[in-house]
Amino acid sequence: MPDELIDKLSTKDYLKLIEDLRPDATMIPDNYTYSDDPLFLSWSQTFRLISFANDFLKLDIPLIGLVKGANALQIDLVVRKQMEMGYVSFAMPARELFREGQLSSSFPTIPLRTPYGV
């Protein structure tokens, strides 16, 4: 989805789509974080993603947390905050980080755990 369209959609828009489509589960809405964006923009988008995660807790269907970030600190923050909110399933679209060889360096900083302590 183009960034310009993502910027125009509100939480209310996404919740209306979910109400109309009635999926079995849903994921937090996508947003954009690029490693070559100014840090202010990528942090702003990171906080927007966390806000979506919080808003989606009102839904009564299984939720999948979306892990995004332009660097390891942002990815770490997103995962930690979503885990604090109770998310246990995650998706991470990371094409740009993978292409740039940055993905493997991010994982050691992320506290990947399951609800069973494994």
PDB file of N, CA and C in Angstrom:
ATOM      1  N   MET A   1       0.853  -1.166   0.000  1.00  0.00           N
ATOM      2  CA  MET A   1       0.000   0.000   0.000  1.00  0.00           C
ATOM      3  C   MET A   1       0.902   1.232   0.000  1.00  0.00           C
ATOM      4  N   PRO A   2       0.624   2.211  -0.812  1.00  0.00           N
ATOM      5  CA  PRO A   2       1.463   3.411  -0.859  1.00  0.00           C
ATOM      6  C   PRO A   2       1.469   4.144   0.486  1.00  0.00           C
ATOM      7  N   ASP A   3       2.630   4.714   0.833  1.00  0.00           N
ATOM      8  CA  ASP A   3       2.764   5.432   2.095  1.00  0.00           C
ATOM      9  C   ASP A   3       1.729   6.541   2.234  1.00  0.00           C
ATOM     10  N   GLU A   4       1.422   7.215   1.136  1.00  0.00           N
ATOM     11  CA  GLU A   4       0.455   8.314   1.176  1.00  0.00           C
ATOM     12  C   GLU A   4      -0.931   7.825   1.611  1.00  0.00           C
ATOM     13  N   LEU A   5      -1.300   6.618   1.195  1.00  0.00           N
ATOM     14  CA  LEU A   5      -2.585   6.057   1.598  1.00  0.00           C
ATOM     15  C   LEU A   5      -2.540   5.617   3.058  1.00  0.00           C
ATOM     16  N   ILE A   6      -1.446   5.000   3.470  1.00  0.00           N
ATOM     17  CA  ILE A   6      -1.295   4.580   4.866  1.00  0.00           C
ATOM     18  C   ILE A   6      -1.455   5.779   5.797  1.00  0.00           C
ATOM     19  N   ASP A   7      -0.873   6.916   5.416  1.00  0.00           N
ATOM     20  CA  ASP A   7      -0.966   8.122   6.246  1.00  0.00           C
ATOM     21  C   ASP A   7      -2.391   8.621   6.402  1.00  0.00           C
ATOM     22  N   LYS A   8      -3.233   8.367   5.417  1.00  0.00           N
ATOM     23  CA  LYS A   8      -4.607   8.877   5.447  1.00  0.00           C
ATOM     24  C   LYS A   8      -5.553   7.993   6.251  1.00  0.00           C
ATOM     25  N   LEU A   9      -5.190   6.736   6.478  1.00  0.00           N
ATOM     26  CA  LEU A   9      -6.090   5.821   7.177  1.00  0.00           C
ATOM     27  C   LEU A   9      -5.948   5.972   8.688  1.00  0.00           C
ATOM     28  N   SER A  10      -7.070   6.081   9.356  1.00  0.00           N
ATOM     29  CA  SER A  10      -7.081   6.209  10.808  1.00  0.00           C
ATOM     30  C   SER A  10      -7.393   4.854  11.446  1.00  0.00           C
ATOM     31  N   THR A  11      -7.261   4.790  12.747  1.00  0.00           N
ATOM     32  CA  THR A  11      -7.645   3.579  13.472  1.00  0.00           C
ATOM     33  C   THR A  11      -9.102   3.249  13.183  1.00  0.00           C
ATOM     34  N   LYS A  12      -9.938   4.265  13.155  1.00  0.00           N
ATOM     35  CA  LYS A  12     -11.367   4.071  12.878  1.00  0.00           C
ATOM     36  C   LYS A  12     -11.572   3.411  11.506  1.00  0.00           C
ATOM     37  N   ASP A  13     -10.798   3.830  10.513  1.00  0.00           N
ATOM     38  CA  ASP A  13     -10.904   3.233   9.173  1.00  0.00           C
ATOM     39  C   ASP A  13     -10.567   1.743   9.206  1.00  0.00           C
ATOM     40  N   TYR A  14      -9.482   1.413   9.896  1.00  0.00           N
ATOM     41  CA  TYR A  14      -9.074   0.004   9.985  1.00  0.00           C
ATOM     42  C   TYR A  14     -10.107  -0.825  10.740  1.00  0.00           C
ATOM     43  N   LEU A  15     -10.618  -0.284  11.844  1.00  0.00           N
ATOM     44  CA  LEU A  15     -11.606  -1.020  12.631  1.00  0.00           C
ATOM     45  C   LEU A  15     -12.888  -1.239  11.836  1.00  0.00           C
ATOM     46  N   LYS A  16     -13.256  -0.283  11.004  1.00  0.00           N
ATOM     47  CA  LYS A  16     -14.436  -0.442  10.143  1.00  0.00           C
ATOM     48  C   LYS A  16     -14.211  -1.558   9.118  1.00  0.00           C
ATOM     49  N   LEU A  17     -13.020  -1.613   8.543  1.00  0.00           N
ATOM     50  CA  LEU A  17     -12.691  -2.693   7.602  1.00  0.00           C
ATOM     51  C   LEU A  17     -12.801  -4.059   8.280  1.00  0.00           C
ATOM     52  N   ILE A  18     -12.282  -4.150   9.482  1.00  0.00           N
ATOM     53  CA  ILE A  18     -12.322  -5.424  10.215  1.00  0.00           C
ATOM     54  C   ILE A  18     -13.760  -5.799  10.542  1.00  0.00           C
ATOM     55  N   GLU A  19     -14.552  -4.815  10.951  1.00  0.00           N
ATOM     56  CA  GLU A  19     -15.970  -5.064  11.240  1.00  0.00           C
ATOM     57  C   GLU A  19     -16.690  -5.569   9.993  1.00  0.00           C
ATOM     58  N   ASP A  20     -16.406  -4.960   8.853  1.00  0.00           N
ATOM     59  CA  ASP A  20     -17.073  -5.348   7.606  1.00  0.00           C
ATOM     60  C   ASP A  20     -16.598  -6.702   7.083  1.00  0.00           C
ATOM     61  N   LEU A  21     -15.300  -6.980   7.184  1.00  0.00           N
ATOM     62  CA  LEU A  21     -14.733  -8.210   6.627  1.00  0.00           C
ATOM     63  C   LEU A  21     -14.836  -9.412   7.566  1.00  0.00           C
ATOM     64  N   ARG A  22     -14.902  -9.156   8.866  1.00  0.00           N
ATOM     65  CA  ARG A  22     -15.013 -10.193   9.898  1.00  0.00           C
ATOM     66  C   ARG A  22     -13.975 -11.316   9.731  1.00  0.00           C
ATOM     67  N   PRO A  23     -12.691 -10.984   9.767  1.00  0.00           N
ATOM     68  CA  PRO A  23     -11.667 -12.031   9.634  1.00  0.00           C
ATOM     69  C   PRO A  23     -11.576 -12.884  10.903  1.00  0.00           C
ATOM     70  N   ASP A  24     -10.936 -14.046  10.782  1.00  0.00           N
ATOM     71  CA  ASP A  24     -10.720 -14.922  11.938  1.00  0.00           C
ATOM     72  C   ASP A  24      -9.643 -14.359  12.866  1.00  0.00           C
ATOM     73  N   ALA A  25      -8.735 -13.585  12.302  1.00  0.00           N
ATOM     74  CA  ALA A  25      -7.654 -12.938  13.058  1.00  0.00           C
ATOM     75  C   ALA A  25      -7.243 -11.702  12.269  1.00  0.00           C
ATOM     76  N   THR A  26      -6.515 -10.819  12.914  1.00  0.00           N
ATOM     77  CA  THR A  26      -6.035  -9.641  12.203  1.00  0.00           C
ATOM     78  C   THR A  26      -4.659  -9.250  12.700  1.00  0.00           C
ATOM     79  N   MET A  27      -3.994  -8.483  11.887  1.00  0.00           N
ATOM     80  CA  MET A  27      -2.664  -7.985  12.208  1.00  0.00           C
ATOM     81  C   MET A  27      -2.763  -6.478  12.388  1.00  0.00           C
ATOM     82  N   ILE A  28      -1.896  -5.938  13.198  1.00  0.00           N
ATOM     83  CA  ILE A  28      -1.814  -4.493  13.356  1.00  0.00           C
ATOM     84  C   ILE A  28      -1.565  -3.893  11.967  1.00  0.00           C
ATOM     85  N   PRO A  29      -2.167  -2.737  11.676  1.00  0.00           N
ATOM     86  CA  PRO A  29      -1.962  -2.138  10.351  1.00  0.00           C
ATOM     87  C   PRO A  29      -0.487  -1.877  10.053  1.00  0.00           C
ATOM     88  N   ASP A  30      -0.153  -2.065   8.798  1.00  0.00           N
ATOM     89  CA  ASP A  30       1.207  -1.810   8.347  1.00  0.00           C
ATOM     90  C   ASP A  30       1.493  -0.319   8.416  1.00  0.00           C
ATOM     91  N   ASN A  31       2.723  -0.002   8.574  1.00  0.00           N
ATOM     92  CA  ASN A  31       3.182   1.374   8.440  1.00  0.00           C
ATOM     93  C   ASN A  31       4.557   1.304   7.797  1.00  0.00           C
ATOM     94  N   TYR A  32       5.191   2.422   7.639  1.00  0.00           N
ATOM     95  CA  TYR A  32       6.469   2.406   6.940  1.00  0.00           C
ATOM     96  C   TYR A  32       7.582   2.944   7.830  1.00  0.00           C
ATOM     97  N   THR A  33       8.675   2.239   7.807  1.00  0.00           N
ATOM     98  CA  THR A  33       9.919   2.705   8.423  1.00  0.00           C
ATOM     99  C   THR A  33      11.031   2.288   7.472  1.00  0.00           C
ATOM    100  N   TYR A  34      11.793   3.255   7.035  1.00  0.00           N
ATOM    101  CA  TYR A  34      12.890   2.990   6.114  1.00  0.00           C
ATOM    102  C   TYR A  34      14.199   3.349   6.800  1.00  0.00           C
ATOM    103  N   SER A  35      15.211   2.533   6.584  1.00  0.00           N
ATOM    104  CA  SER A  35      16.493   2.767   7.256  1.00  0.00           C
ATOM    105  C   SER A  35      17.178   4.045   6.786  1.00  0.00           C
ATOM    106  N   ASP A  36      16.801   4.563   5.617  1.00  0.00           N
ATOM    107  CA  ASP A  36      17.427   5.800   5.146  1.00  0.00           C
ATOM    108  C   ASP A  36      16.564   7.035   5.412  1.00  0.00           C
ATOM    109  N   ASP A  37      15.435   6.863   6.114  1.00  0.00           N
ATOM    110  CA  ASP A  37      14.620   8.015   6.517  1.00  0.00           C
ATOM    111  C   ASP A  37      15.305   8.759   7.659  1.00  0.00           C
ATOM    112  N   PRO A  38      15.010  10.043   7.821  1.00  0.00           N
ATOM    113  CA  PRO A  38      15.501  10.742   9.013  1.00  0.00           C
ATOM    114  C   PRO A  38      14.977  10.042  10.272  1.00  0.00           C
ATOM    115  N   LEU A  39      15.776  10.006  11.317  1.00  0.00           N
ATOM    116  CA  LEU A  39      15.382   9.293  12.530  1.00  0.00           C
ATOM    117  C   LEU A  39      14.054   9.781  13.094  1.00  0.00           C
ATOM    118  N   PHE A  40      13.800  11.087  13.017  1.00  0.00           N
ATOM    119  CA  PHE A  40      12.530  11.593  13.534  1.00  0.00           C
ATOM    120  C   PHE A  40      11.359  10.892  12.864  1.00  0.00           C
ATOM    121  N   LEU A  41      11.416  10.737  11.542  1.00  0.00           N
ATOM    122  CA  LEU A  41      10.317  10.114  10.812  1.00  0.00           C
ATOM    123  C   LEU A  41      10.181   8.640  11.177  1.00  0.00           C
ATOM    124  N   SER A  42      11.298   7.912  11.225  1.00  0.00           N
ATOM    125  CA  SER A  42      11.186   6.488  11.530  1.00  0.00           C
ATOM    126  C   SER A  42      10.727   6.265  12.977  1.00  0.00           C
ATOM    127  N   TRP A  43      11.151   7.128  13.911  1.00  0.00           N
ATOM    128  CA  TRP A  43      10.665   7.001  15.293  1.00  0.00           C
ATOM    129  C   TRP A  43       9.188   7.371  15.370  1.00  0.00           C
ATOM    130  N   SER A  44       8.770   8.378  14.635  1.00  0.00           N
ATOM    131  CA  SER A  44       7.362   8.767  14.613  1.00  0.00           C
ATOM    132  C   SER A  44       6.499   7.601  14.126  1.00  0.00           C
ATOM    133  N   GLN A  45       6.935   6.933  13.072  1.00  0.00           N
ATOM    134  CA  GLN A  45       6.203   5.777  12.549  1.00  0.00           C
ATOM    135  C   GLN A  45       6.238   4.602  13.534  1.00  0.00           C
ATOM    136  N   THR A  46       7.349   4.437  14.236  1.00  0.00           N
ATOM    137  CA  THR A  46       7.458   3.367  15.235  1.00  0.00           C
ATOM    138  C   THR A  46       6.433   3.586  16.347  1.00  0.00           C
ATOM    139  N   PHE A  47       6.321   4.813  16.836  1.00  0.00           N
ATOM    140  CA  PHE A  47       5.339   5.109  17.886  1.00  0.00           C
ATOM    141  C   PHE A  47       3.910   4.972  17.371  1.00  0.00           C
ATOM    142  N   ARG A  48       3.694   5.303  16.107  1.00  0.00           N
ATOM    143  CA  ARG A  48       2.362   5.124  15.513  1.00  0.00           C
ATOM    144  C   ARG A  48       1.994   3.640  15.499  1.00  0.00           C
ATOM    145  N   LEU A  49       2.948   2.789  15.170  1.00  0.00           N
ATOM    146  CA  LEU A  49       2.707   1.348  15.162  1.00  0.00           C
ATOM    147  C   LEU A  49       2.338   0.853  16.559  1.00  0.00           C
ATOM    148  N   ILE A  50       3.041   1.323  17.575  1.00  0.00           N
ATOM    149  CA  ILE A  50       2.734   0.933  18.951  1.00  0.00           C
ATOM    150  C   ILE A  50       1.340   1.418  19.341  1.00  0.00           C
ATOM    151  N   SER A  51       0.974   2.605  18.902  1.00  0.00           N
ATOM    152  CA  SER A  51      -0.359   3.131  19.178  1.00  0.00           C
ATOM    153  C   SER A  51      -1.434   2.253  18.533  1.00  0.00           C
ATOM    154  N   PHE A  52      -1.218   1.837  17.276  1.00  0.00           N
ATOM    155  CA  PHE A  52      -2.152   0.920  16.624  1.00  0.00           C
ATOM    156  C   PHE A  52      -2.280  -0.369  17.434  1.00  0.00           C
ATOM    157  N   ALA A  53      -1.155  -0.900  17.904  1.00  0.00           N
ATOM    158  CA  ALA A  53      -1.186  -2.143  18.681  1.00  0.00           C
ATOM    159  C   ALA A  53      -2.061  -1.977  19.913  1.00  0.00           C
ATOM    160  N   ASN A  54      -1.952  -0.846  20.558  1.00  0.00           N
ATOM    161  CA  ASN A  54      -2.763  -0.579  21.743  1.00  0.00           C
ATOM    162  C   ASN A  54      -4.238  -0.445  21.374  1.00  0.00           C
ATOM    163  N   ASP A  55      -4.541   0.280  20.310  1.00  0.00           N
ATOM    164  CA  ASP A  55      -5.932   0.461  19.877  1.00  0.00           C
ATOM    165  C   ASP A  55      -6.585  -0.857  19.479  1.00  0.00           C
ATOM    166  N   PHE A  56      -5.830  -1.752  18.892  1.00  0.00           N
ATOM    167  CA  PHE A  56      -6.395  -3.011  18.396  1.00  0.00           C
ATOM    168  C   PHE A  56      -6.719  -3.989  19.518  1.00  0.00           C
ATOM    169  N   LEU A  57      -6.245  -3.717  20.724  1.00  0.00           N
ATOM    170  CA  LEU A  57      -6.579  -4.587  21.857  1.00  0.00           C
ATOM    171  C   LEU A  57      -8.070  -4.580  22.161  1.00  0.00           C
ATOM    172  N   LYS A  58      -8.794  -3.604  21.642  1.00  0.00           N
ATOM    173  CA  LYS A  58     -10.242  -3.513  21.852  1.00  0.00           C
ATOM    174  C   LYS A  58     -11.003  -4.557  21.037  1.00  0.00           C
ATOM    175  N   LEU A  59     -10.346  -5.139  20.041  1.00  0.00           N
ATOM    176  CA  LEU A  59     -11.002  -6.118  19.179  1.00  0.00           C
ATOM    177  C   LEU A  59     -11.154  -7.447  19.907  1.00  0.00           C
ATOM    178  N   ASP A  60     -12.167  -8.166  19.533  1.00  0.00           N
ATOM    179  CA  ASP A  60     -12.436  -9.462  20.155  1.00  0.00           C
ATOM    180  C   ASP A  60     -12.093 -10.605  19.195  1.00  0.00           C
ATOM    181  N   ILE A  61     -10.929 -10.512  18.558  1.00  0.00           N
ATOM    182  CA  ILE A  61     -10.446 -11.563  17.671  1.00  0.00           C
ATOM    183  C   ILE A  61      -8.946 -11.729  17.914  1.00  0.00           C
ATOM    184  N   PRO A  62      -8.371 -12.861  17.541  1.00  0.00           N
ATOM    185  CA  PRO A  62      -6.924 -13.041  17.722  1.00  0.00           C
ATOM    186  C   PRO A  62      -6.138 -11.974  16.968  1.00  0.00           C
ATOM    187  N   LEU A  63      -5.086 -11.483  17.612  1.00  0.00           N
ATOM    188  CA  LEU A  63      -4.271 -10.410  17.056  1.00  0.00           C
ATOM    189  C   LEU A  63      -2.853 -10.878  16.784  1.00  0.00           C
ATOM    190  N   ILE A  64      -2.291 -10.379  15.711  1.00  0.00           N
ATOM    191  CA  ILE A  64      -0.902 -10.639  15.347  1.00  0.00           C
ATOM    192  C   ILE A  64      -0.175  -9.307  15.395  1.00  0.00           C
ATOM    193  N   GLY A  65       0.860  -9.234  16.217  1.00  0.00           N
ATOM    194  CA  GLY A  65       1.638  -8.014  16.314  1.00  0.00           C
ATOM    195  C   GLY A  65       2.508  -7.838  15.080  1.00  0.00           C
ATOM    196  N   LEU A  66       2.653  -6.623  14.650  1.00  0.00           N
ATOM    197  CA  LEU A  66       3.509  -6.312  13.511  1.00  0.00           C
ATOM    198  C   LEU A  66       4.808  -5.735  14.042  1.00  0.00           C
ATOM    199  N   VAL A  67       5.914  -6.296  13.608  1.00  0.00           N
ATOM    200  CA  VAL A  67       7.229  -5.840  14.044  1.00  0.00           C
ATOM    201  C   VAL A  67       7.861  -5.061  12.907  1.00  0.00           C
ATOM    202  N   LYS A  68       8.067  -3.780  13.138  1.00  0.00           N
ATOM    203  CA  LYS A  68       8.690  -2.915  12.144  1.00  0.00           C
ATOM    204  C   LYS A  68       9.696  -2.028  12.854  1.00  0.00           C
ATOM    205  N   GLY A  69      10.561  -1.430  12.096  1.00  0.00           N
ATOM    206  CA  GLY A  69      11.535  -0.495  12.617  1.00  0.00           C
ATOM    207  C   GLY A  69      12.637  -0.299  11.605  1.00  0.00           C
ATOM    208  N   ALA A  70      13.271   0.860  11.661  1.00  0.00           N
ATOM    209  CA  ALA A  70      14.351   1.172  10.731  1.00  0.00           C
ATOM    210  C   ALA A  70      15.706   0.785  11.293  1.00  0.00           C
ATOM    211  N   ASN A  71      15.725   0.359  12.557  1.00  0.00           N
ATOM    212  CA  ASN A  71      16.983  -0.044  13.184  1.00  0.00           C
ATOM    213  C   ASN A  71      16.668  -0.970  14.360  1.00  0.00           C
ATOM    214  N   ALA A  72      17.714  -1.543  14.945  1.00  0.00           N
ATOM    215  CA  ALA A  72      17.530  -2.527  16.019  1.00  0.00           C
ATOM    216  C   ALA A  72      16.832  -1.929  17.233  1.00  0.00           C
ATOM    217  N   LEU A  73      17.094  -0.677  17.565  1.00  0.00           N
ATOM    218  CA  LEU A  73      16.441  -0.057  18.728  1.00  0.00           C
ATOM    219  C   LEU A  73      14.932   0.039  18.532  1.00  0.00           C
ATOM    220  N   GLN A  74      14.508   0.408  17.337  1.00  0.00           N
ATOM    221  CA  GLN A  74      13.076   0.521  17.063  1.00  0.00           C
ATOM    222  C   GLN A  74      12.404  -0.844  17.061  1.00  0.00           C
ATOM    223  N   ILE A  75      13.049  -1.823  16.465  1.00  0.00           N
ATOM    224  CA  ILE A  75      12.503  -3.182  16.435  1.00  0.00           C
ATOM    225  C   ILE A  75      12.376  -3.714  17.857  1.00  0.00           C
ATOM    226  N   ASP A  76      13.403  -3.502  18.662  1.00  0.00           N
ATOM    227  CA  ASP A  76      13.393  -3.945  20.053  1.00  0.00           C
ATOM    228  C   ASP A  76      12.249  -3.292  20.820  1.00  0.00           C
ATOM    229  N   LEU A  77      12.056  -1.983  20.647  1.00  0.00           N
ATOM    230  CA  LEU A  77      10.986  -1.266  21.344  1.00  0.00           C
ATOM    231  C   LEU A  77       9.615  -1.806  20.945  1.00  0.00           C
ATOM    232  N   VAL A  78       9.402  -2.009  19.657  1.00  0.00           N
ATOM    233  CA  VAL A  78       8.113  -2.508  19.178  1.00  0.00           C
ATOM    234  C   VAL A  78       7.798  -3.874  19.782  1.00  0.00           C
ATOM    235  N   VAL A  79       8.761  -4.783  19.751  1.00  0.00           N
ATOM    236  CA  VAL A  79       8.529  -6.125  20.287  1.00  0.00           C
ATOM    237  C   VAL A  79       8.267  -6.064  21.786  1.00  0.00           C
ATOM    238  N   ARG A  80       9.092  -5.335  22.521  1.00  0.00           N
ATOM    239  CA  ARG A  80       8.914  -5.246  23.981  1.00  0.00           C
ATOM    240  C   ARG A  80       7.545  -4.670  24.344  1.00  0.00           C
ATOM    241  N   LYS A  81       7.154  -3.586  23.700  1.00  0.00           N
ATOM    242  CA  LYS A  81       5.868  -2.956  24.017  1.00  0.00           C
ATOM    243  C   LYS A  81       4.705  -3.879  23.687  1.00  0.00           C
ATOM    244  N   GLN A  82       4.768  -4.556  22.543  1.00  0.00           N
ATOM    245  CA  GLN A  82       3.676  -5.449  22.184  1.00  0.00           C
ATOM    246  C   GLN A  82       3.617  -6.643  23.126  1.00  0.00           C
ATOM    247  N   MET A  83       4.764  -7.137  23.562  1.00  0.00           N
ATOM    248  CA  MET A  83       4.760  -8.227  24.534  1.00  0.00           C
ATOM    249  C   MET A  83       4.155  -7.758  25.855  1.00  0.00           C
ATOM    250  N   GLU A  84       4.473  -6.540  26.271  1.00  0.00           N
ATOM    251  CA  GLU A  84       3.873  -5.981  27.487  1.00  0.00           C
ATOM    252  C   GLU A  84       2.360  -5.880  27.365  1.00  0.00           C
ATOM    253  N   MET A  85       1.866  -5.638  26.157  1.00  0.00           N
ATOM    254  CA  MET A  85       0.426  -5.537  25.917  1.00  0.00           C
ATOM    255  C   MET A  85      -0.240  -6.907  25.863  1.00  0.00           C
ATOM    256  N   GLY A  86       0.546  -7.961  25.757  1.00  0.00           N
ATOM    257  CA  GLY A  86      -0.007  -9.309  25.722  1.00  0.00           C
ATOM    258  C   GLY A  86       0.043  -9.999  24.376  1.00  0.00           C
ATOM    259  N   TYR A  87       0.652  -9.383  23.386  1.00  0.00           N
ATOM    260  CA  TYR A  87       0.783 -10.033  22.086  1.00  0.00           C
ATOM    261  C   TYR A  87       1.734 -11.223  22.197  1.00  0.00           C
ATOM    262  N   VAL A  88       1.368 -12.319  21.542  1.00  0.00           N
ATOM    263  CA  VAL A  88       2.218 -13.513  21.556  1.00  0.00           C
ATOM    264  C   VAL A  88       2.564 -13.991  20.153  1.00  0.00           C
ATOM    265  N   SER A  89       1.879 -13.481  19.144  1.00  0.00           N
ATOM    266  CA  SER A  89       2.160 -13.836  17.751  1.00  0.00           C
ATOM    267  C   SER A  89       2.606 -12.576  17.018  1.00  0.00           C
ATOM    268  N   PHE A  90       3.614 -12.745  16.164  1.00  0.00           N
ATOM    269  CA  PHE A  90       4.181 -11.592  15.482  1.00  0.00           C
ATOM    270  C   PHE A  90       4.457 -11.897  14.015  1.00  0.00           C
ATOM    271  N   ALA A  91       4.402 -10.856  13.193  1.00  0.00           N
ATOM    272  CA  ALA A  91       4.824 -10.915  11.798  1.00  0.00           C
ATOM    273  C   ALA A  91       5.835  -9.798  11.599  1.00  0.00           C
ATOM    274  N   MET A  92       6.859 -10.076  10.785  1.00  0.00           N
ATOM    275  CA  MET A  92       7.897  -9.074  10.566  1.00  0.00           C
ATOM    276  C   MET A  92       8.244  -8.985   9.089  1.00  0.00           C
ATOM    277  N   PRO A  93       7.618  -8.032   8.381  1.00  0.00           N
ATOM    278  CA  PRO A  93       8.021  -7.808   6.998  1.00  0.00           C
ATOM    279  C   PRO A  93       9.320  -7.007   7.002  1.00  0.00           C
ATOM    280  N   ALA A  94      10.387  -7.623   6.580  1.00  0.00           N
ATOM    281  CA  ALA A  94      11.705  -7.000   6.760  1.00  0.00           C
ATOM    282  C   ALA A  94      12.557  -7.046   5.500  1.00  0.00           C
ATOM    283  N   ARG A  95      11.938  -6.875   4.360  1.00  0.00           N
ATOM    284  CA  ARG A  95      12.660  -6.969   3.098  1.00  0.00           C
ATOM    285  C   ARG A  95      13.857  -6.021   3.041  1.00  0.00           C
ATOM    286  N   GLU A  96      13.649  -4.761   3.420  1.00  0.00           N
ATOM    287  CA  GLU A  96      14.722  -3.769   3.335  1.00  0.00           C
ATOM    288  C   GLU A  96      15.874  -4.128   4.277  1.00  0.00           C
ATOM    289  N   LEU A  97      15.570  -4.491   5.529  1.00  0.00           N
ATOM    290  CA  LEU A  97      16.623  -4.844   6.476  1.00  0.00           C
ATOM    291  C   LEU A  97      17.364  -6.102   6.026  1.00  0.00           C
ATOM    292  N   PHE A  98      16.620  -7.060   5.458  1.00  0.00           N
ATOM    293  CA  PHE A  98      17.250  -8.283   4.980  1.00  0.00           C
ATOM    294  C   PHE A  98      18.201  -7.988   3.826  1.00  0.00           C
ATOM    295  N   ARG A  99      17.727  -7.167   2.875  1.00  0.00           N
ATOM    296  CA  ARG A  99      18.561  -6.799   1.722  1.00  0.00           C
ATOM    297  C   ARG A  99      19.846  -6.111   2.150  1.00  0.00           C
ATOM    298  N   GLU A 100      19.753  -5.270   3.167  1.00  0.00           N
ATOM    299  CA  GLU A 100      20.914  -4.512   3.633  1.00  0.00           C
ATOM    300  C   GLU A 100      21.791  -5.295   4.603  1.00  0.00           C
ATOM    301  N   GLY A 101      21.411  -6.543   4.907  1.00  0.00           N
ATOM    302  CA  GLY A 101      22.202  -7.360   5.810  1.00  0.00           C
ATOM    303  C   GLY A 101      22.108  -6.935   7.266  1.00  0.00           C
ATOM    304  N   GLN A 102      21.073  -6.172   7.627  1.00  0.00           N
ATOM    305  CA  GLN A 102      20.932  -5.680   8.986  1.00  0.00           C
ATOM    306  C   GLN A 102      20.044  -6.558   9.863  1.00  0.00           C
ATOM    307  N   LEU A 103      19.354  -7.491   9.266  1.00  0.00           N
ATOM    308  CA  LEU A 103      18.364  -8.253  10.012  1.00  0.00           C
ATOM    309  C   LEU A 103      18.979  -9.141  11.075  1.00  0.00           C
ATOM    310  N   SER A 104      20.024  -9.868  10.747  1.00  0.00           N
ATOM    311  CA  SER A 104      20.598 -10.791  11.722  1.00  0.00           C
ATOM    312  C   SER A 104      21.188 -10.064  12.914  1.00  0.00           C
ATOM    313  N   SER A 105      21.659  -8.835  12.726  1.00  0.00           N
ATOM    314  CA  SER A 105      22.230  -8.102  13.853  1.00  0.00           C
ATOM    315  C   SER A 105      21.148  -7.585  14.795  1.00  0.00           C
ATOM    316  N   SER A 106      19.882  -7.568  14.362  1.00  0.00           N
ATOM    317  CA  SER A 106      18.799  -7.077  15.203  1.00  0.00           C
ATOM    318  C   SER A 106      18.295  -8.130  16.178  1.00  0.00           C
ATOM    319  N   PHE A 107      18.309  -9.375  15.775  1.00  0.00           N
ATOM    320  CA  PHE A 107      17.682 -10.395  16.595  1.00  0.00           C
ATOM    321  C   PHE A 107      18.316 -10.631  17.963  1.00  0.00           C
ATOM    322  N   PRO A 108      19.633 -10.532  18.128  1.00  0.00           N
ATOM    323  CA  PRO A 108      20.162 -10.778  19.473  1.00  0.00           C
ATOM    324  C   PRO A 108      19.652  -9.793  20.529  1.00  0.00           C
ATOM    325  N   THR A 109      19.183  -8.616  20.124  1.00  0.00           N
ATOM    326  CA  THR A 109      18.723  -7.619  21.087  1.00  0.00           C
ATOM    327  C   THR A 109      17.250  -7.782  21.426  1.00  0.00           C
ATOM    328  N   ILE A 110      16.550  -8.638  20.718  1.00  0.00           N
ATOM    329  CA  ILE A 110      15.115  -8.781  20.919  1.00  0.00           C
ATOM    330  C   ILE A 110      14.851  -9.948  21.865  1.00  0.00           C
ATOM    331  N   PRO A 111      14.071  -9.716  22.923  1.00  0.00           N
ATOM    332  CA  PRO A 111      13.789 -10.775  23.899  1.00  0.00           C
ATOM    333  C   PRO A 111      12.714 -11.728  23.386  1.00  0.00           C
ATOM    334  N   LEU A 112      13.071 -12.589  22.455  1.00  0.00           N
ATOM    335  CA  LEU A 112      12.085 -13.506  21.895  1.00  0.00           C
ATOM    336  C   LEU A 112      11.779 -14.597  22.906  1.00  0.00           C
ATOM    337  N   ARG A 113      10.528 -14.607  23.365  1.00  0.00           N
ATOM    338  CA  ARG A 113      10.075 -15.587  24.349  1.00  0.00           C
ATOM    339  C   ARG A 113       8.688 -16.047  23.947  1.00  0.00           C
ATOM    340  N   THR A 114       8.309 -17.157  24.495  1.00  0.00           N
ATOM    341  CA  THR A 114       6.946 -17.601  24.306  1.00  0.00           C
ATOM    342  C   THR A 114       6.247 -17.470  25.657  1.00  0.00           C
ATOM    343  N   PRO A 115       4.929 -17.570  25.675  1.00  0.00           N
ATOM    344  CA  PRO A 115       4.225 -17.487  26.960  1.00  0.00           C
ATOM    345  C   PRO A 115       4.570 -18.663  27.874  1.00  0.00           C
ATOM    346  N   TYR A 116       5.241 -19.660  27.322  1.00  0.00           N
ATOM    347  CA  TYR A 116       5.571 -20.857  28.109  1.00  0.00           C
ATOM    348  C   TYR A 116       6.992 -20.797  28.658  1.00  0.00           C
ATOM    349  N   GLY A 117       7.667 -19.669  28.465  1.00  0.00           N
ATOM    350  CA  GLY A 117       8.999 -19.490  29.028  1.00  0.00           C
ATOM    351  C   GLY A 117      10.110 -20.126  28.223  1.00  0.00           C
ATOM    352  N   VAL A 118       9.827 -20.625  27.025  1.00  0.00           N
ATOM    353  CA  VAL A 118      10.838 -21.280  26.209  1.00  0.00           C
ATOM    354  C   VAL A 118      11.576 -20.253  25.381  1.00  0.00           C
TER     355      VAL A 118
END
